[in-house]
Protein backbone atom coordinates (compact mmCIF):
# COMPACT_ATOMS: atom_id res chain seq x y z
CA UNK A 1 -16.15 23.80 21.54
CA UNK A 2 -14.64 20.45 22.47
CA UNK A 3 -17.76 18.74 21.18
CA UNK A 4 -16.70 19.70 17.69
CA UNK A 5 -13.45 17.68 18.28
CA UNK A 6 -14.96 14.86 19.66
CA UNK A 7 -13.95 11.61 17.52
CA UNK A 8 -16.70 9.62 18.78
CA UNK A 9 -19.55 11.58 16.94
CA UNK A 10 -20.49 10.83 13.54
CA UNK A 11 -18.95 12.53 10.48
CA UNK A 12 -22.33 14.51 9.90
CA UNK A 13 -22.29 15.54 13.45
CA UNK A 14 -18.54 16.54 13.45
CA UNK A 15 -17.59 17.70 9.93
CA UNK A 16 -14.79 19.64 11.09
CA UNK A 17 -13.09 16.78 12.81
CA UNK A 18 -14.12 14.33 10.09
CA UNK A 19 -12.42 16.52 7.55
CA UNK A 20 -9.15 16.99 9.55
CA UNK A 21 -8.98 13.23 10.00
CA UNK A 22 -9.63 12.42 6.31
CA UNK A 23 -6.74 14.90 5.74
CA UNK A 24 -4.35 12.72 8.07
CA UNK A 25 -5.52 9.44 6.31
CA UNK A 26 -4.58 10.98 3.11
CA UNK A 27 -1.09 12.10 4.52
CA UNK A 28 -0.80 8.49 5.98
CA UNK A 29 -1.57 7.07 2.55
CA UNK A 30 1.22 9.13 1.20
CA UNK A 31 3.78 8.29 3.71
CA UNK A 32 2.88 4.54 3.06
CA UNK A 33 3.38 4.91 -0.59
CA UNK A 34 6.57 6.75 -0.01
CA UNK A 35 7.72 3.90 2.44
CA UNK A 36 6.64 1.31 -0.14
CA UNK A 37 8.61 2.98 -2.99
CA UNK A 38 11.47 2.55 -0.82
CA UNK A 39 12.19 6.33 -0.71
CA UNK A 40 13.00 6.26 3.00
CA UNK A 41 16.28 5.31 4.46
CA UNK A 42 18.63 5.60 7.56
CA UNK A 43 17.12 7.31 10.40
CA UNK A 44 14.66 9.01 8.41
CA UNK A 45 13.29 5.58 7.14
CA UNK A 46 13.04 4.15 10.70
CA UNK A 47 11.32 7.28 12.18
CA UNK A 48 8.62 7.17 9.17
CA UNK A 49 8.47 3.23 9.86
CA UNK A 50 7.74 3.64 13.46
CA UNK A 51 5.44 6.43 12.94
CA UNK A 52 3.29 4.87 10.53
CA UNK A 53 3.01 1.83 12.90
CA UNK A 54 2.00 4.07 15.84
CA UNK A 55 -0.76 5.66 13.72
CA UNK A 56 -2.28 2.54 12.32
CA UNK A 57 -2.19 0.97 16.05
CA UNK A 58 -4.15 4.02 17.13
CA UNK A 59 -6.90 3.19 14.55
CA UNK A 60 -6.77 -0.61 15.36
CA UNK A 61 -7.32 0.05 18.88
CA UNK A 62 -10.13 2.48 18.67
CA UNK A 63 -13.44 1.74 17.43
CA UNK A 64 -14.58 5.64 16.90
CA UNK A 65 -11.41 5.91 14.72
CA UNK A 66 -11.91 2.79 12.79
CA UNK A 67 -15.62 3.92 12.03
CA UNK A 68 -14.16 7.18 10.70
CA UNK A 69 -11.66 5.31 8.73
CA UNK A 70 -14.51 2.97 7.12
CA UNK A 71 -16.60 6.23 6.73
CA UNK A 72 -13.46 7.60 4.45
CA UNK A 73 -13.39 4.81 1.89
CA UNK A 74 -15.35 5.53 -1.24
CA UNK A 75 -13.79 3.06 -3.66
CA UNK A 76 -12.13 -0.34 -3.62
CA UNK A 77 -8.59 1.37 -4.23
CA UNK A 78 -8.97 4.00 -1.28
CA UNK A 79 -6.12 3.82 1.06
CA UNK A 80 -4.52 0.98 -1.02
CA UNK A 81 -1.11 1.83 -0.07
CA UNK A 82 -2.01 1.82 3.71
CA UNK A 83 -3.48 -1.76 2.92
CA UNK A 84 -0.20 -2.86 1.18
CA UNK A 85 1.69 -1.17 4.12
CA UNK A 86 -0.21 -3.48 6.47
CA UNK A 87 0.06 -6.72 4.12
CA UNK A 88 3.93 -6.52 4.63
CA UNK A 89 3.84 -6.39 8.32
CA UNK A 90 1.63 -9.73 8.44
């Protein structure tokens, strides 16, 4: 059972986990777009910003998650809002 949830496996070896991870990336993309459109404010905005930062740090710190992220990119515009969010931070 746990092997099906192992992020160190490739996408073809672990389609259930890969699908869930891509759903998470899509949710993160929407969160970044919402943030970039200034739709968050106050405590909600701070919380969203911290959550986005924490999620992106997890990807940065984990090679297997970075590999899954790279595998999810299928077009030059894929995750453009995530990239734009990261560009604001530099």
